[in-house]
C-alpha atoms as a PDB file:
ATOM      1  CA  MET A   1     -11.700  -8.281 -17.984  1.00  0.00           C
ATOM      2  CA  THR A   2     -12.762  -4.926 -19.587  1.00  0.00           C
ATOM      3  CA  ALA A   3     -12.520  -1.196 -17.399  1.00  0.00           C
ATOM      4  CA  LYS A   4     -15.750   0.964 -16.813  1.00  0.00           C
ATOM      5  CA  HIS A   5     -15.790   3.990 -16.367  1.00  0.00           C
ATOM      6  CA  SER A   6     -16.979   5.381 -12.912  1.00  0.00           C
ATOM      7  CA  VAL A   7     -20.351   7.516 -12.516  1.00  0.00           C
ATOM      8  CA  PRO A   8     -20.439   9.281  -8.906  1.00  0.00           C
ATOM      9  CA  SER A   9     -23.848   9.941  -7.468  1.00  0.00           C
ATOM     10  CA  ASN A  10     -21.678  12.074  -5.019  1.00  0.00           C
ATOM     11  CA  TYR A  11     -18.282  13.096  -3.339  1.00  0.00           C
ATOM     12  CA  THR A  12     -17.511  13.229   0.201  1.00  0.00           C
ATOM     13  CA  SER A  13     -14.286  14.132   2.380  1.00  0.00           C
ATOM     14  CA  ASN A  14     -13.376  14.933   5.563  1.00  0.00           C
ATOM     15  CA  PRO A  15     -14.642  18.350   6.609  1.00  0.00           C
ATOM     16  CA  ASP A  16     -11.656  18.636   9.538  1.00  0.00           C
ATOM     17  CA  LEU A  17      -8.775  18.137   7.401  1.00  0.00           C
ATOM     18  CA  PRO A  18      -7.654  19.814   4.254  1.00  0.00           C
ATOM     19  CA  THR A  19      -8.225  18.946   0.473  1.00  0.00           C
ATOM     20  CA  ILE A  20      -4.132  20.085  -0.955  1.00  0.00           C
ATOM     21  CA  ALA A  21      -4.531  22.624  -3.999  1.00  0.00           C
ATOM     22  CA  LEU A  22      -4.090  20.160  -7.443  1.00  0.00           C
ATOM     23  CA  PRO A  23      -3.976  20.999 -10.885  1.00  0.00           C
ATOM     24  CA  PHE A  24      -7.050  19.487 -11.815  1.00  0.00           C
ATOM     25  CA  GLU A  25     -10.760  20.131 -10.922  1.00  0.00           C
ATOM     26  CA  TRP A  26     -11.587  17.792  -7.609  1.00  0.00           C
ATOM     27  CA  LYS A  27     -14.775  17.475  -6.118  1.00  0.00           C
ATOM     28  CA  GLY A  28     -13.864  14.966  -3.445  1.00  0.00           C
ATOM     29  CA  THR A  29     -13.666  11.647  -2.962  1.00  0.00           C
ATOM     30  CA  PRO A  30     -16.413   9.696  -5.210  1.00  0.00           C
ATOM     31  CA  LEU A  31     -19.606   7.495  -4.304  1.00  0.00           C
ATOM     32  CA  ASP A  32     -22.153   5.926  -5.998  1.00  0.00           C
ATOM     33  CA  SER A  33     -25.552   5.582  -5.535  1.00  0.00           C
ATOM     34  CA  LYS A  34     -25.348   3.683  -2.380  1.00  0.00           C
ATOM     35  CA  GLY A  35     -23.242   6.115  -0.475  1.00  0.00           C
ATOM     36  CA  ARG A  36     -19.736   3.853  -0.923  1.00  0.00           C
ATOM     37  CA  PHE A  37     -16.700   4.430  -2.356  1.00  0.00           C
ATOM     38  CA  LEU A  38     -15.763   4.344  -6.070  1.00  0.00           C
ATOM     39  CA  ASN A  39     -12.889   4.574  -7.700  1.00  0.00           C
ATOM     40  CA  HIS A  40     -12.248   7.571  -9.708  1.00  0.00           C
ATOM     41  CA  GLU A  41     -12.002   6.368 -12.962  1.00  0.00           C
ATOM     42  CA  PHE A  42     -11.821   3.078 -13.160  1.00  0.00           C
ATOM     43  CA  ALA A  43     -15.306   0.761 -11.243  1.00  0.00           C
ATOM     44  CA  PHE A  44     -14.478  -2.008 -10.040  1.00  0.00           C
ATOM     45  CA  ILE A  45     -15.604  -5.654 -11.053  1.00  0.00           C
ATOM     46  CA  ASN A  46     -17.709  -7.442  -7.941  1.00  0.00           C
ATOM     47  CA  SER A  47     -18.420 -10.632  -9.885  1.00  0.00           C
ATOM     48  CA  PHE A  48     -19.293 -13.580  -9.034  1.00  0.00           C
ATOM     49  CA  ARG A  49     -18.791 -15.224 -12.560  1.00  0.00           C
ATOM     50  CA  GLU A  50     -15.407 -13.879 -12.456  1.00  0.00           C
ATOM     51  CA  VAL A  51     -14.472 -15.723  -9.389  1.00  0.00           C
ATOM     52  CA  LEU A  52     -15.342 -18.521 -10.339  1.00  0.00           C
ATOM     53  CA  LYS A  53     -13.599 -18.159 -14.508  1.00  0.00           C
ATOM     54  CA  TRP A  54     -10.470 -17.528 -11.646  1.00  0.00           C
ATOM     55  CA  GLN A  55     -11.185 -20.693 -10.067  1.00  0.00           C
ATOM     56  CA  THR A  56     -12.202 -22.109 -12.770  1.00  0.00           C
ATOM     57  CA  THR A  57      -9.281 -22.026 -15.401  1.00  0.00           C
ATOM     58  CA  LYS A  58      -5.998 -24.044 -15.256  1.00  0.00           C
ATOM     59  CA  ASN A  59      -3.303 -22.428 -14.286  1.00  0.00           C
ATOM     60  CA  PRO A  60      -0.325 -22.570 -16.320  1.00  0.00           C
ATOM     61  CA  GLN A  61       2.584 -21.813 -13.619  1.00  0.00           C
ATOM     62  CA  LYS A  62       0.171 -24.130 -11.194  1.00  0.00           C
ATOM     63  CA  GLU A  63       3.771 -27.222 -10.904  1.00  0.00           C
ATOM     64  CA  GLU A  64       6.075 -24.370 -10.924  1.00  0.00           C
ATOM     65  CA  LYS A  65       4.704 -23.189  -8.421  1.00  0.00           C
ATOM     66  CA  LYS A  66       4.284 -25.972  -6.313  1.00  0.00           C
ATOM     67  CA  LYS A  67       8.059 -26.819  -7.045  1.00  0.00           C
ATOM     68  CA  SER A  68       9.176 -23.275  -6.399  1.00  0.00           C
ATOM     69  CA  THR A  69      11.695 -23.097  -3.340  1.00  0.00           C
ATOM     70  CA  TRP A  70      12.446 -19.602  -3.360  1.00  0.00           C
ATOM     71  CA  LYS A  71      11.993 -17.075  -0.484  1.00  0.00           C
ATOM     72  CA  LEU A  72      12.826 -13.501   0.142  1.00  0.00           C
ATOM     73  CA  THR A  73      16.086 -12.614   1.914  1.00  0.00           C
ATOM     74  CA  CYS A  74      15.259 -11.413   5.398  1.00  0.00           C
ATOM     75  CA  ILE A  75      18.665  -9.548   7.444  1.00  0.00           C
ATOM     76  CA  THR A  76      17.790 -10.076  11.099  1.00  0.00           C
ATOM     77  CA  ASP A  77      18.411  -6.527  12.851  1.00  0.00           C
ATOM     78  CA  SER A  78      16.680  -3.825  15.109  1.00  0.00           C
ATOM     79  CA  ASN A  79      19.368  -1.391  15.011  1.00  0.00           C
ATOM     80  CA  PHE A  80      17.346   0.672  12.416  1.00  0.00           C
ATOM     81  CA  LEU A  81      14.785   1.249  15.656  1.00  0.00           C
ATOM     82  CA  THR A  82      17.172   2.735  17.657  1.00  0.00           C
ATOM     83  CA  SER A  83      19.227   4.616  15.176  1.00  0.00           C
ATOM     84  CA  SER A  84      18.781   8.216  14.682  1.00  0.00           C
ATOM     85  CA  GLU A  85      19.273   8.296  10.985  1.00  0.00           C
ATOM     86  CA  ASP A  86      16.270   8.638   8.466  1.00  0.00           C
ATOM     87  CA  CYS A  87      15.552   5.458   6.746  1.00  0.00           C
ATOM     88  CA  ILE A  88      13.328   3.494   4.913  1.00  0.00           C
ATOM     89  CA  VAL A  89      13.577  -0.599   6.092  1.00  0.00           C
ATOM     90  CA  TRP A  90      11.207  -2.906   4.431  1.00  0.00           C
ATOM     91  CA  LEU A  91       8.679  -5.245   6.488  1.00  0.00           C
ATOM     92  CA  GLY A  92       7.643  -7.832   4.328  1.00  0.00           C
ATOM     93  CA  HIS A  93       4.347  -7.191   2.011  1.00  0.00           C
ATOM     94  CA  ALA A  94       3.246  -3.482   2.080  1.00  0.00           C
ATOM     95  CA  SER A  95       5.137  -3.314   5.659  1.00  0.00           C
ATOM     96  CA  PHE A  96       7.515   0.003   6.219  1.00  0.00           C
ATOM     97  CA  PHE A  97       9.398   1.410   9.008  1.00  0.00           C
ATOM     98  CA  ILE A  98      10.242   4.838   7.724  1.00  0.00           C
ATOM     99  CA  ARG A  99      12.008   7.589  10.293  1.00  0.00           C
ATOM    100  CA  ILE A 100      12.277  10.799   8.503  1.00  0.00           C
ATOM    101  CA  ALA A 101      12.646  14.042  10.118  1.00  0.00           C
ATOM    102  CA  GLY A 102      13.216  12.422  13.626  1.00  0.00           C
ATOM    103  CA  ILE A 103       9.192  11.295  13.256  1.00  0.00           C
ATOM    104  CA  THR A 104       8.672   7.038  13.146  1.00  0.00           C
ATOM    105  CA  LEU A 105       6.264   5.728  11.206  1.00  0.00           C
ATOM    106  CA  LEU A 106       4.237   2.488   9.820  1.00  0.00           C
ATOM    107  CA  ILE A 107       2.543   1.894   7.336  1.00  0.00           C
ATOM    108  CA  ASP A 108       0.246  -1.405   6.894  1.00  0.00           C
ATOM    109  CA  PRO A 109       2.261  -2.978   9.422  1.00  0.00           C
ATOM    110  CA  VAL A 110       1.548  -6.711   9.605  1.00  0.00           C
ATOM    111  CA  LEU A 111       3.217  -8.784  11.606  1.00  0.00           C
ATOM    112  CA  PHE A 112       2.061 -12.302  11.534  1.00  0.00           C
ATOM    113  CA  ASP A 113       0.243 -14.712   9.945  1.00  0.00           C
ATOM    114  CA  VAL A 114      -2.881 -13.045   8.406  1.00  0.00           C
ATOM    115  CA  SER A 115      -6.198 -15.152   8.292  1.00  0.00           C
ATOM    116  CA  LEU A 116      -5.200 -18.889   7.476  1.00  0.00           C
ATOM    117  CA  ILE A 117      -2.526 -17.687   4.843  1.00  0.00           C
ATOM    118  CA  LYS A 118       0.979 -17.982   6.774  1.00  0.00           C
ATOM    119  CA  ARG A 119       3.507 -15.301   6.578  1.00  0.00           C
ATOM    120  CA  LYS A 120       6.318 -17.129   3.462  1.00  0.00           C
ATOM    121  CA  SER A 121       9.466 -14.797   4.513  1.00  0.00           C
ATOM    122  CA  LYS A 122      10.631 -13.512   8.514  1.00  0.00           C
ATOM    123  CA  LEU A 123       9.983 -10.755  10.162  1.00  0.00           C
ATOM    124  CA  PRO A 124      13.488  -8.797  10.861  1.00  0.00           C
ATOM    125  CA  ILE A 125      12.477  -7.940  14.181  1.00  0.00           C
ATOM    126  CA  ASP A 126      10.754  -8.828  17.392  1.00  0.00           C
ATOM    127  CA  PRO A 127       7.028  -6.873  17.163  1.00  0.00           C
ATOM    128  CA  ASP A 128       7.397  -6.621  20.464  1.00  0.00           C
ATOM    129  CA  GLN A 129      10.416  -4.552  19.802  1.00  0.00           C
ATOM    130  CA  LEU A 130       8.204  -1.704  17.233  1.00  0.00           C
ATOM    131  CA  LYS A 131       7.182   0.970  20.094  1.00  0.00           C
ATOM    132  CA  HIS A 132       7.921   4.837  20.647  1.00  0.00           C
ATOM    133  CA  MET A 133       5.723   4.913  17.116  1.00  0.00           C
ATOM    134  CA  ASP A 134       4.745   8.474  16.199  1.00  0.00           C
ATOM    135  CA  TYR A 135       2.633   7.485  13.476  1.00  0.00           C
ATOM    136  CA  ILE A 136       0.922   4.680  12.330  1.00  0.00           C
ATOM    137  CA  LEU A 137      -0.455   4.879   8.302  1.00  0.00           C
ATOM    138  CA  ILE A 138      -3.303   1.908   7.235  1.00  0.00           C
ATOM    139  CA  SER A 139      -3.404   2.104   3.564  1.00  0.00           C
ATOM    140  CA  HIS A 140      -7.132   0.445   3.576  1.00  0.00           C
ATOM    141  CA  ASP A 141      -9.183  -2.798   5.107  1.00  0.00           C
ATOM    142  CA  HIS A 142      -8.366  -5.676   3.895  1.00  0.00           C
ATOM    143  CA  ARG A 143      -6.203  -8.067   6.985  1.00  0.00           C
ATOM    144  CA  ASP A 144      -3.135  -8.040   4.682  1.00  0.00           C
ATOM    145  CA  HIS A 145      -3.034  -4.635   5.636  1.00  0.00           C
ATOM    146  CA  CYS A 146      -4.988  -4.110   8.270  1.00  0.00           C
ATOM    147  CA  ASP A 147      -4.102  -6.867  10.453  1.00  0.00           C
ATOM    148  CA  LYS A 148      -6.231  -7.429  14.153  1.00  0.00           C
ATOM    149  CA  LYS A 149      -2.916  -9.003  16.137  1.00  0.00           C
ATOM    150  CA  SER A 150      -0.857  -6.608  14.623  1.00  0.00           C
ATOM    151  CA  LEU A 151      -2.198  -3.031  15.496  1.00  0.00           C
ATOM    152  CA  GLU A 152      -3.212  -5.469  19.502  1.00  0.00           C
ATOM    153  CA  LEU A 153       0.197  -5.148  19.607  1.00  0.00           C
ATOM    154  CA  LEU A 154       1.041  -2.216  18.637  1.00  0.00           C
ATOM    155  CA  ALA A 155      -1.685  -0.411  20.571  1.00  0.00           C
ATOM    156  CA  LYS A 156      -0.253  -1.918  23.515  1.00  0.00           C
ATOM    157  CA  ASN A 157       3.442  -0.824  23.042  1.00  0.00           C
ATOM    158  CA  ASN A 158       2.372   2.526  21.353  1.00  0.00           C
ATOM    159  CA  PRO A 159      -0.330   4.075  23.679  1.00  0.00           C
ATOM    160  CA  ASN A 160       0.730   7.701  22.428  1.00  0.00           C
ATOM    161  CA  ALA A 161       0.787   6.848  18.603  1.00  0.00           C
ATOM    162  CA  ILE A 162      -1.334   8.626  15.949  1.00  0.00           C
ATOM    163  CA  TYR A 163      -3.506   6.919  13.223  1.00  0.00           C
ATOM    164  CA  LEU A 164      -3.791   8.033  10.034  1.00  0.00           C
ATOM    165  CA  THR A 165      -5.942   6.067   7.418  1.00  0.00           C
ATOM    166  CA  GLY A 166      -8.755   6.815   4.979  1.00  0.00           C
ATOM    167  CA  LEU A 167     -12.589   7.250   5.337  1.00  0.00           C
ATOM    168  CA  ASN A 168     -14.750   4.929   7.414  1.00  0.00           C
ATOM    169  CA  VAL A 169     -11.558   2.880   7.565  1.00  0.00           C
ATOM    170  CA  ASP A 170     -11.185   4.351  11.503  1.00  0.00           C
ATOM    171  CA  THR A 171     -13.664   2.831  12.627  1.00  0.00           C
ATOM    172  CA  VAL A 172     -12.486  -0.262  12.060  1.00  0.00           C
ATOM    173  CA  ILE A 173      -9.323   0.228  13.922  1.00  0.00           C
ATOM    174  CA  LYS A 174     -11.224   2.202  16.870  1.00  0.00           C
ATOM    175  CA  LYS A 175     -12.243  -1.229  17.705  1.00  0.00           C
ATOM    176  CA  ILE A 176      -9.473  -2.429  17.456  1.00  0.00           C
ATOM    177  CA  THR A 177      -7.085  -0.104  19.725  1.00  0.00           C
ATOM    178  CA  LYS A 178      -9.358   1.718  21.393  1.00  0.00           C
ATOM    179  CA  SER A 179      -7.382   5.131  20.325  1.00  0.00           C
ATOM    180  CA  THR A 180      -8.913   8.468  19.836  1.00  0.00           C
ATOM    181  CA  SER A 181      -6.748   9.666  17.963  1.00  0.00           C
ATOM    182  CA  ILE A 182      -6.910   8.614  15.204  1.00  0.00           C
ATOM    183  CA  GLU A 183      -7.524  10.666  11.881  1.00  0.00           C
ATOM    184  CA  ALA A 184      -9.821   9.588   8.715  1.00  0.00           C
ATOM    185  CA  ALA A 185      -8.661  10.994   5.136  1.00  0.00           C
ATOM    186  CA  GLY A 186     -10.420  11.069   1.136  1.00  0.00           C
ATOM    187  CA  TRP A 187      -8.572  11.409  -0.961  1.00  0.00           C
ATOM    188  CA  TYR A 188      -5.940  13.968  -1.606  1.00  0.00           C
ATOM    189  CA  GLN A 189      -5.928  15.491   2.024  1.00  0.00           C
ATOM    190  CA  GLN A 190      -3.956  16.232   4.168  1.00  0.00           C
ATOM    191  CA  TYR A 191      -3.806  14.632   7.769  1.00  0.00           C
ATOM    192  CA  LYS A 192      -2.946  17.393  10.497  1.00  0.00           C
ATOM    193  CA  THR A 193       0.854  16.066  11.977  1.00  0.00           C
ATOM    194  CA  LYS A 194       3.446  17.728  13.438  1.00  0.00           C
ATOM    195  CA  PRO A 195       4.841  20.769  11.423  1.00  0.00           C
ATOM    196  CA  GLU A 196       8.262  19.227  10.117  1.00  0.00           C
ATOM    197  CA  ILE A 197       6.403  16.398   8.607  1.00  0.00           C
ATOM    198  CA  LYS A 198       3.211  16.848   6.068  1.00  0.00           C
ATOM    199  CA  ILE A 199       1.260  13.726   5.059  1.00  0.00           C
ATOM    200  CA  THR A 200      -1.321  13.705   2.456  1.00  0.00           C
ATOM    201  CA  TYR A 201      -4.784  10.355   1.332  1.00  0.00           C
ATOM    202  CA  VAL A 202      -4.198   9.927  -2.543  1.00  0.00           C
ATOM    203  CA  PRO A 203      -6.009   8.024  -4.621  1.00  0.00           C
ATOM    204  CA  SER A 204      -5.265   4.053  -5.814  1.00  0.00           C
ATOM    205  CA  ARG A 205      -7.296   1.830  -7.611  1.00  0.00           C
ATOM    206  CA  HIS A 206      -8.730  -0.700  -5.566  1.00  0.00           C
ATOM    207  CA  TRP A 207     -11.882  -1.461  -3.297  1.00  0.00           C
ATOM    208  CA  GLY A 208     -12.083  -2.865   0.006  1.00  0.00           C
ATOM    209  CA  ARG A 209     -14.138  -5.084   2.307  1.00  0.00           C
ATOM    210  CA  ARG A 210     -13.364  -7.102   5.694  1.00  0.00           C
ATOM    211  CA  TYR A 211     -16.381  -9.438   5.636  1.00  0.00           C
ATOM    212  CA  LEU A 212     -19.185 -10.357   3.602  1.00  0.00           C
ATOM    213  CA  THR A 213     -21.807  -7.341   2.754  1.00  0.00           C
ATOM    214  CA  ASP A 214     -19.447  -4.475   3.523  1.00  0.00           C
ATOM    215  CA  THR A 215     -18.102  -4.134  -0.268  1.00  0.00           C
ATOM    216  CA  ASN A 216     -16.363  -0.543  -0.469  1.00  0.00           C
ATOM    217  CA  VAL A 217     -17.940   0.809   2.573  1.00  0.00           C
ATOM    218  CA  ARG A 218     -14.468   2.001   3.091  1.00  0.00           C
ATOM    219  CA  LEU A 219     -12.129   3.722   1.503  1.00  0.00           C
ATOM    220  CA  TRP A 220      -8.648   2.604  -0.035  1.00  0.00           C
ATOM    221  CA  GLY A 221      -6.023   4.444  -1.245  1.00  0.00           C
ATOM    222  CA  GLY A 222      -1.729   5.833  -0.679  1.00  0.00           C
ATOM    223  CA  PHE A 223       0.374   8.321   1.210  1.00  0.00           C
ATOM    224  CA  VAL A 224       2.530  10.751   0.025  1.00  0.00           C
ATOM    225  CA  ILE A 225       5.024  11.903   2.879  1.00  0.00           C
ATOM    226  CA  GLN A 226       7.369  15.078   2.644  1.00  0.00           C
ATOM    227  CA  ALA A 227       9.262  16.086   5.085  1.00  0.00           C
ATOM    228  CA  ALA A 228      13.547  16.974   5.409  1.00  0.00           C
ATOM    229  CA  GLY A 229      13.750  17.780   1.608  1.00  0.00           C
ATOM    230  CA  LYS A 230      12.197  14.177   1.057  1.00  0.00           C
ATOM    231  CA  THR A 231       9.208  13.122  -0.738  1.00  0.00           C
ATOM    232  CA  ILE A 232       7.912   9.603  -0.269  1.00  0.00           C
ATOM    233  CA  TYR A 233       5.373   7.975  -1.858  1.00  0.00           C
ATOM    234  CA  PHE A 234       3.495   4.737  -0.795  1.00  0.00           C
ATOM    235  CA  GLY A 235       0.714   3.678  -3.693  1.00  0.00           C
ATOM    236  CA  GLY A 236      -1.185   1.210  -1.439  1.00  0.00           C
ATOM    237  CA  ASP A 237      -2.815  -1.968  -3.231  1.00  0.00           C
ATOM    238  CA  SER A 238      -3.301  -0.702  -6.786  1.00  0.00           C
ATOM    239  CA  GLY A 239      -4.251  -1.635 -10.462  1.00  0.00           C
ATOM    240  CA  TYR A 240      -2.964   0.482 -13.078  1.00  0.00           C
ATOM    241  CA  GLY A 241      -4.610   4.358 -13.650  1.00  0.00           C
ATOM    242  CA  SER A 242      -4.061   7.761 -14.691  1.00  0.00           C
ATOM    243  CA  HIS A 243      -3.519   8.670 -10.255  1.00  0.00           C
ATOM    244  CA  PHE A 244      -0.088   7.888 -11.132  1.00  0.00           C
ATOM    245  CA  THR A 245       0.814  10.604 -13.084  1.00  0.00           C
ATOM    246  CA  ASP A 246      -1.384  12.657 -11.434  1.00  0.00           C
ATOM    247  CA  ILE A 247       1.076  11.931  -9.072  1.00  0.00           C
ATOM    248  CA  ALA A 248       4.308  13.073 -11.075  1.00  0.00           C
ATOM    249  CA  ASN A 249       1.984  16.611 -11.773  1.00  0.00           C
ATOM    250  CA  ILE A 250       1.022  17.931  -7.691  1.00  0.00           C
ATOM    251  CA  PHE A 251       4.624  16.193  -6.515  1.00  0.00           C
ATOM    252  CA  PRO A 252       7.108  16.987  -8.976  1.00  0.00           C
ATOM    253  CA  VAL A 253       9.889  15.754  -7.051  1.00  0.00           C
ATOM    254  CA  VAL A 254       9.269  12.085  -6.148  1.00  0.00           C
ATOM    255  CA  ASP A 255      12.444  10.753  -4.223  1.00  0.00           C
ATOM    256  CA  TYR A 256      11.460   7.222  -3.249  1.00  0.00           C
ATOM    257  CA  ALA A 257       7.954   5.191  -4.435  1.00  0.00           C
ATOM    258  CA  MET A 258       6.505   1.949  -2.841  1.00  0.00           C
ATOM    259  CA  ILE A 259       4.992   0.538  -5.305  1.00  0.00           C
ATOM    260  CA  GLY A 260       3.281  -3.396  -5.685  1.00  0.00           C
ATOM    261  CA  ILE A 261       4.478  -5.460  -8.085  1.00  0.00           C
ATOM    262  CA  GLY A 262       2.529  -9.166  -6.855  1.00  0.00           C
ATOM    263  CA  ALA A 263      -0.576 -11.475  -6.378  1.00  0.00           C
ATOM    264  CA  TYR A 264      -1.329  -9.878 -10.216  1.00  0.00           C
ATOM    265  CA  LYS A 265      -2.003 -13.286 -12.242  1.00  0.00           C
ATOM    266  CA  PRO A 266      -4.208 -13.905 -13.507  1.00  0.00           C
ATOM    267  CA  GLU A 267      -4.236 -10.678 -14.458  1.00  0.00           C
ATOM    268  CA  PHE A 268      -7.973 -10.356 -16.582  1.00  0.00           C
ATOM    269  CA  PHE A 269      -8.996 -10.867 -12.686  1.00  0.00           C
ATOM    270  CA  MET A 270      -6.379  -9.025 -11.311  1.00  0.00           C
ATOM    271  CA  GLY A 271      -5.407  -6.537 -12.743  1.00  0.00           C
ATOM    272  CA  GLN A 272      -8.386  -4.363 -11.430  1.00  0.00           C
ATOM    273  CA  SER A 273      -6.459  -5.031  -8.072  1.00  0.00           C
ATOM    274  CA  HIS A 274      -3.141  -5.276  -8.189  1.00  0.00           C
ATOM    275  CA  LEU A 275      -0.361  -4.295 -10.265  1.00  0.00           C
ATOM    276  CA  SER A 276       2.170  -6.535 -12.510  1.00  0.00           C
ATOM    277  CA  PRO A 277       5.430  -6.577 -12.177  1.00  0.00           C
ATOM    278  CA  ILE A 278       5.589  -4.805 -15.874  1.00  0.00           C
ATOM    279  CA  ASP A 279       2.827  -2.109 -14.836  1.00  0.00           C
ATOM    280  CA  GLY A 280       4.737  -1.822 -11.758  1.00  0.00           C
ATOM    281  CA  ILE A 281       7.281  -0.246 -13.736  1.00  0.00           C
ATOM    282  CA  LYS A 282       4.914   1.830 -15.841  1.00  0.00           C
ATOM    283  CA  ALA A 283       3.646   3.117 -12.831  1.00  0.00           C
ATOM    284  CA  PHE A 284       7.086   4.462 -11.554  1.00  0.00           C
ATOM    285  CA  HIS A 285       7.619   6.041 -14.903  1.00  0.00           C
ATOM    286  CA  ASP A 286       4.750   8.129 -14.582  1.00  0.00           C
ATOM    287  CA  THR A 287       5.245   8.974 -11.084  1.00  0.00           C
ATOM    288  CA  LYS A 288       8.534  10.165 -12.143  1.00  0.00           C
ATOM    289  CA  ALA A 289      10.237   9.411  -9.062  1.00  0.00           C
ATOM    290  CA  LYS A 290      14.299   8.800  -8.649  1.00  0.00           C
ATOM    291  CA  ASN A 291      13.723   6.260  -6.983  1.00  0.00           C
ATOM    292  CA  PHE A 292      11.666   2.188  -6.944  1.00  0.00           C
ATOM    293  CA  ILE A 293      11.017  -0.028  -3.762  1.00  0.00           C
ATOM    294  CA  PRO A 294       9.325  -3.218  -5.804  1.00  0.00           C
ATOM    295  CA  MET A 295       6.292  -3.844  -2.575  1.00  0.00           C
ATOM    296  CA  HIS A 296       3.443  -6.703  -2.453  1.00  0.00           C
ATOM    297  CA  TYR A 297       5.426  -9.562  -3.239  1.00  0.00           C
ATOM    298  CA  GLY A 298       6.699 -12.148  -1.838  1.00  0.00           C
ATOM    299  CA  THR A 299       5.460 -12.740   1.972  1.00  0.00           C
ATOM    300  CA  PHE A 300       1.868 -13.484   1.155  1.00  0.00           C
ATOM    301  CA  ASP A 301       0.772 -15.887  -1.358  1.00  0.00           C
ATOM    302  CA  LEU A 302      -1.911 -14.225  -2.543  1.00  0.00           C
ATOM    303  CA  ALA A 303      -2.398 -15.615  -5.903  1.00  0.00           C
ATOM    304  CA  ASP A 304      -1.426 -17.648  -9.282  1.00  0.00           C
ATOM    305  CA  GLU A 305       1.711 -17.246  -9.477  1.00  0.00           C
ATOM    306  CA  PRO A 306       4.577 -18.471  -7.500  1.00  0.00           C
ATOM    307  CA  ILE A 307       6.063 -16.378  -4.556  1.00  0.00           C
ATOM    308  CA  GLY A 308       9.496 -15.450  -6.556  1.00  0.00           C
ATOM    309  CA  ASP A 309       7.783 -14.894  -9.827  1.00  0.00           C
ATOM    310  CA  PRO A 310       7.379 -10.884  -9.530  1.00  0.00           C
ATOM    311  CA  ILE A 311      10.486 -10.124  -8.731  1.00  0.00           C
ATOM    312  CA  HIS A 312      11.959 -12.023 -11.482  1.00  0.00           C
ATOM    313  CA  VAL A 313       9.979 -10.573 -13.328  1.00  0.00           C
ATOM    314  CA  LEU A 314      10.835  -7.093 -12.927  1.00  0.00           C
ATOM    315  CA  LYS A 315      14.188  -8.003 -13.037  1.00  0.00           C
ATOM    316  CA  LYS A 316      14.015  -9.168 -16.901  1.00  0.00           C
ATOM    317  CA  GLU A 317      11.735  -6.815 -17.803  1.00  0.00           C
ATOM    318  CA  GLN A 318      14.595  -3.876 -16.534  1.00  0.00           C
ATOM    319  CA  GLU A 319      16.926  -6.360 -18.601  1.00  0.00           C
ATOM    320  CA  LYS A 320      14.978  -5.826 -21.796  1.00  0.00           C
ATOM    321  CA  GLN A 321      13.794  -1.709 -21.360  1.00  0.00           C
ATOM    322  CA  HIS A 322      15.258   1.243 -20.171  1.00  0.00           C
ATOM    323  CA  VAL A 323      14.280   1.964 -16.497  1.00  0.00           C
ATOM    324  CA  ALA A 324      14.118   5.754 -16.065  1.00  0.00           C
ATOM    325  CA  GLY A 325      15.827   5.844 -12.674  1.00  0.00           C
ATOM    326  CA  GLU A 326      16.740   3.099 -10.180  1.00  0.00           C
ATOM    327  CA  ILE A 327      14.954   0.674  -9.021  1.00  0.00           C
ATOM    328  CA  LEU A 328      16.229  -1.077  -5.476  1.00  0.00           C
ATOM    329  CA  TYR A 329      15.877  -4.464  -4.938  1.00  0.00           C
ATOM    330  CA  VAL A 330      15.596  -4.200  -0.927  1.00  0.00           C
ATOM    331  CA  CYS A 331      15.608  -7.259   0.992  1.00  0.00           C
ATOM    332  CA  VAL A 332      13.625  -7.986   4.003  1.00  0.00           C
ATOM    333  CA  GLY A 333      15.045  -5.600   6.708  1.00  0.00           C
ATOM    334  CA  GLU A 334      17.543  -3.876   4.792  1.00  0.00           C
ATOM    335  CA  ILE A 335      18.189   0.043   5.854  1.00  0.00           C
ATOM    336  CA  ILE A 336      17.407   2.358   2.782  1.00  0.00           C
ATOM    337  CA  PRO A 337      19.173   5.746   4.115  1.00  0.00           C
ATOM    338  CA  LEU A 338      17.308   8.826   3.343  1.00  0.00           C
ATOM    339  CA  LYS A 339      19.716  11.507   1.823  1.00  0.00           C
END
């Protein structure tokens, strides 16, 4: 698939939220001539021909995938929920629990099966235990990141939570949760949070859709969280692009980078939306982060590769090349202390 550059017709943002100072010109989040969101660099190719090519191309790993018994290790322990220590805990896929400066956050909490796609990894806690959350961050509208059943449960158990998301995704969250405490940002806009923490919505190379005719009417992206002297970058769903280098230029010290490595085969089709493990290392290097937490693998079967392929490829690639920084091969439910 040949990457085509985006040609914006207009730009937008949330007038109620500030845009952070940037080392380059920024007009706002780009829109096409129909008012739908664009990637800032590469156009999203929404082609039936490409889908057909994927579906009719032989998967060279089909038998390997069929025979695979690999599973993520899950540590079943809810102690992090009652602790006062700042930490990051991977809940599987792109779901994270974070406590920083004593403030609790959930990112893309998907706690159950998604539609007809069954979870391949356990959740380390009972979903009902997720209470007293300060902020719930939703990166984009895809159902493996913005799940109705999960958000309904969280809304019931966290009536005072504030939801942070991208432009127009707030309409989905409000319909599900009935919450009026939702902030929707454009890229490089900062949410109105407690003074102890700063959270900024940042670009990713992806797309949005929940139904048949709503492609790219809602924005996608990632988050940068700054508090207690730490900076955490959550890359969201993303193909490779220059936005990873931009993160390093805007946020010169990133302590932890959560970057996707799965749902990447066949690369001719998936590459515009998801990183391969090899490009995941490249993105990690671009951000100049100290620690890389691989995500978006092992929980849902979303592409052609065997479920354990991304992490196996990542480890092999680490043996081949020098990786500047630490790759944290964490289990689901493992506590990463923020020190």
